[in-house]
Amino acid sequence: MKKFYLSYLCFHALILHEHSCRGISVYIPDPVFRAYLNQYYSSCMVGDSIDPLCPAVLGTKHINVVVKNF
């Protein structure tokens, strides 16, 4: 019985951890910067937000942001 309870507890802890890691998005308020990000990270953009856990974002080391005329 203890083994079952421990397995049950570990399973639910894993499910809760997995659930808490999903659905994270960062709102990008500036429409020009949002358009810039949408140009290079379109697979990571959802409307006016970006998913910081997207592989393209995680693989980025730096972004060179300068004044751009869009």
N, C-alpha and C. Protein backbone atom coordinates (compact mmCIF):
# COMPACT_ATOMS: atom_id res chain seq x y z
N MET A 1 0.82 -1.20 0.00
CA MET A 1 0.00 0.00 0.00
C MET A 1 0.86 1.26 0.00
N LYS A 2 1.98 1.23 0.75
CA LYS A 2 2.85 2.40 0.79
C LYS A 2 3.46 2.68 -0.58
N LYS A 3 3.81 1.61 -1.30
CA LYS A 3 4.40 1.77 -2.61
C LYS A 3 3.39 2.42 -3.58
N PHE A 4 2.14 1.99 -3.50
CA PHE A 4 1.10 2.58 -4.33
C PHE A 4 0.90 4.05 -3.99
N TYR A 5 0.86 4.37 -2.71
CA TYR A 5 0.66 5.75 -2.29
C TYR A 5 1.81 6.64 -2.75
N LEU A 6 3.05 6.14 -2.65
CA LEU A 6 4.20 6.91 -3.08
C LEU A 6 4.16 7.13 -4.60
N SER A 7 3.81 6.10 -5.35
CA SER A 7 3.70 6.24 -6.80
C SER A 7 2.59 7.23 -7.16
N TYR A 8 1.47 7.16 -6.47
CA TYR A 8 0.36 8.06 -6.70
C TYR A 8 0.77 9.51 -6.42
N LEU A 9 1.48 9.71 -5.33
CA LEU A 9 1.94 11.04 -4.94
C LEU A 9 2.94 11.60 -5.96
N CYS A 10 3.88 10.78 -6.40
CA CYS A 10 4.87 11.22 -7.38
C CYS A 10 4.21 11.55 -8.72
N PHE A 11 3.25 10.74 -9.11
CA PHE A 11 2.55 10.96 -10.37
C PHE A 11 1.83 12.31 -10.35
N HIS A 12 1.12 12.60 -9.27
CA HIS A 12 0.39 13.86 -9.19
C HIS A 12 1.31 15.06 -9.05
N ALA A 13 2.44 14.89 -8.38
CA ALA A 13 3.41 15.98 -8.29
C ALA A 13 3.97 16.30 -9.67
N LEU A 14 4.22 15.27 -10.46
CA LEU A 14 4.71 15.47 -11.82
C LEU A 14 3.66 16.17 -12.69
N ILE A 15 2.41 15.75 -12.57
CA ILE A 15 1.33 16.37 -13.33
C ILE A 15 1.16 17.83 -12.94
N LEU A 16 1.20 18.14 -11.66
CA LEU A 16 1.05 19.53 -11.21
C LEU A 16 2.22 20.37 -11.68
N HIS A 17 3.42 19.81 -11.64
CA HIS A 17 4.60 20.55 -12.11
C HIS A 17 4.48 20.82 -13.61
N GLU A 18 4.09 19.83 -14.36
CA GLU A 18 3.93 19.98 -15.82
C GLU A 18 2.86 21.02 -16.13
N HIS A 19 1.78 21.01 -15.38
CA HIS A 19 0.69 21.97 -15.60
C HIS A 19 1.14 23.39 -15.30
N SER A 20 1.96 23.56 -14.27
CA SER A 20 2.38 24.91 -13.90
C SER A 20 3.39 25.48 -14.88
N CYS A 21 4.06 24.63 -15.67
CA CYS A 21 5.05 25.11 -16.63
C CYS A 21 4.43 25.50 -17.96
N ARG A 22 3.22 25.11 -18.21
CA ARG A 22 2.57 25.44 -19.48
C ARG A 22 1.77 26.72 -19.34
N GLY A 23 1.52 27.36 -20.45
CA GLY A 23 0.64 28.53 -20.44
C GLY A 23 1.31 29.82 -20.05
N ILE A 24 2.63 29.81 -20.00
CA ILE A 24 3.34 31.02 -19.65
C ILE A 24 3.52 31.84 -20.92
N SER A 25 3.18 33.10 -20.86
CA SER A 25 3.43 33.99 -21.99
C SER A 25 3.75 35.37 -21.45
N VAL A 26 4.55 36.09 -22.21
CA VAL A 26 4.98 37.43 -21.80
C VAL A 26 4.35 38.43 -22.76
N TYR A 27 3.61 39.36 -22.20
CA TYR A 27 2.94 40.39 -22.99
C TYR A 27 3.96 41.38 -23.53
N ILE A 28 3.88 41.69 -24.81
CA ILE A 28 4.75 42.67 -25.47
C ILE A 28 3.89 43.88 -25.81
N PRO A 29 3.97 44.96 -25.02
CA PRO A 29 3.06 46.10 -25.22
C PRO A 29 3.40 46.97 -26.43
N ASP A 30 4.65 47.04 -26.83
CA ASP A 30 5.06 47.92 -27.93
C ASP A 30 4.76 47.27 -29.28
N PRO A 31 3.90 47.87 -30.10
CA PRO A 31 3.53 47.25 -31.37
C PRO A 31 4.69 47.14 -32.37
N VAL A 32 5.64 48.05 -32.32
CA VAL A 32 6.79 47.99 -33.24
C VAL A 32 7.71 46.84 -32.83
N PHE A 33 7.98 46.73 -31.54
CA PHE A 33 8.82 45.63 -31.06
C PHE A 33 8.12 44.29 -31.26
N ARG A 34 6.81 44.28 -31.09
CA ARG A 34 6.01 43.06 -31.31
C ARG A 34 6.11 42.63 -32.77
N ALA A 35 6.05 43.58 -33.69
CA ALA A 35 6.19 43.27 -35.12
C ALA A 35 7.58 42.72 -35.42
N TYR A 36 8.59 43.30 -34.80
CA TYR A 36 9.97 42.82 -34.97
C TYR A 36 10.09 41.37 -34.47
N LEU A 37 9.56 41.10 -33.29
CA LEU A 37 9.60 39.73 -32.75
C LEU A 37 8.79 38.78 -33.60
N ASN A 38 7.67 39.25 -34.10
CA ASN A 38 6.82 38.41 -34.95
C ASN A 38 7.52 38.05 -36.25
N GLN A 39 8.39 38.94 -36.72
CA GLN A 39 9.14 38.69 -37.94
C GLN A 39 10.15 37.56 -37.76
N TYR A 40 10.81 37.49 -36.61
CA TYR A 40 11.86 36.51 -36.38
C TYR A 40 11.42 35.31 -35.52
N TYR A 41 10.39 35.48 -34.72
CA TYR A 41 9.94 34.43 -33.80
C TYR A 41 8.44 34.18 -33.96
N SER A 42 7.98 34.11 -35.19
CA SER A 42 6.54 33.98 -35.42
C SER A 42 5.96 32.69 -34.82
N SER A 43 6.75 31.64 -34.75
CA SER A 43 6.25 30.39 -34.16
C SER A 43 6.09 30.50 -32.65
N CYS A 44 6.72 31.49 -32.05
CA CYS A 44 6.66 31.67 -30.60
C CYS A 44 5.65 32.74 -30.18
N MET A 45 5.13 33.47 -31.14
CA MET A 45 4.20 34.55 -30.83
C MET A 45 2.76 34.04 -30.85
N VAL A 46 2.00 34.48 -29.84
CA VAL A 46 0.58 34.18 -29.77
C VAL A 46 -0.13 35.52 -29.54
N GLY A 47 -0.63 36.08 -30.62
CA GLY A 47 -1.28 37.39 -30.51
C GLY A 47 -0.27 38.45 -30.14
N ASP A 48 -0.44 39.07 -28.99
CA ASP A 48 0.46 40.13 -28.53
C ASP A 48 1.42 39.66 -27.44
N SER A 49 1.60 38.33 -27.34
CA SER A 49 2.47 37.76 -26.32
C SER A 49 3.45 36.79 -26.96
N ILE A 50 4.54 36.54 -26.23
CA ILE A 50 5.55 35.59 -26.70
C ILE A 50 5.71 34.49 -25.65
N ASP A 51 5.92 33.28 -26.11
CA ASP A 51 6.12 32.13 -25.23
C ASP A 51 7.61 32.02 -24.93
N PRO A 52 8.04 32.29 -23.70
CA PRO A 52 9.48 32.26 -23.39
C PRO A 52 10.06 30.85 -23.38
N LEU A 53 9.21 29.82 -23.38
CA LEU A 53 9.69 28.45 -23.38
C LEU A 53 9.77 27.86 -24.79
N CYS A 54 9.50 28.67 -25.79
CA CYS A 54 9.58 28.23 -27.19
C CYS A 54 11.05 27.93 -27.53
N PRO A 55 11.31 26.83 -28.25
CA PRO A 55 12.70 26.48 -28.58
C PRO A 55 13.46 27.57 -29.31
N ALA A 56 12.81 28.32 -30.17
CA ALA A 56 13.50 29.41 -30.88
C ALA A 56 13.94 30.51 -29.91
N VAL A 57 13.13 30.80 -28.91
CA VAL A 57 13.49 31.80 -27.91
C VAL A 57 14.59 31.27 -27.00
N LEU A 58 14.48 30.03 -26.59
CA LEU A 58 15.49 29.44 -25.71
C LEU A 58 16.85 29.33 -26.40
N GLY A 59 16.84 29.19 -27.71
CA GLY A 59 18.10 29.09 -28.45
C GLY A 59 18.75 30.41 -28.77
N THR A 60 18.09 31.50 -28.45
CA THR A 60 18.61 32.84 -28.75
C THR A 60 19.54 33.30 -27.64
N LYS A 61 20.71 33.74 -28.03
CA LYS A 61 21.69 34.24 -27.05
C LYS A 61 21.51 35.73 -26.80
N HIS A 62 21.24 36.51 -27.85
CA HIS A 62 21.02 37.95 -27.70
C HIS A 62 20.19 38.45 -28.87
N ILE A 63 19.58 39.60 -28.67
CA ILE A 63 18.82 40.27 -29.72
C ILE A 63 19.37 41.68 -29.83
N ASN A 64 19.76 42.06 -31.02
CA ASN A 64 20.27 43.41 -31.26
C ASN A 64 19.08 44.31 -31.59
N VAL A 65 18.70 45.12 -30.63
CA VAL A 65 17.55 46.01 -30.81
C VAL A 65 18.06 47.43 -30.99
N VAL A 66 17.81 47.97 -32.14
CA VAL A 66 18.16 49.36 -32.44
C VAL A 66 16.90 50.06 -32.92
N VAL A 67 16.95 51.37 -33.04
CA VAL A 67 15.79 52.11 -33.50
C VAL A 67 15.53 51.72 -34.95
N LYS A 68 14.34 51.25 -35.22
CA LYS A 68 13.96 50.82 -36.56
C LYS A 68 12.75 51.61 -37.00
N ASN A 69 12.67 51.92 -38.25
CA ASN A 69 11.50 52.60 -38.81
C ASN A 69 10.66 51.55 -39.53
N PHE A 70 9.60 51.13 -38.91
CA PHE A 70 8.70 50.15 -39.51
C PHE A 70 7.59 50.87 -40.21
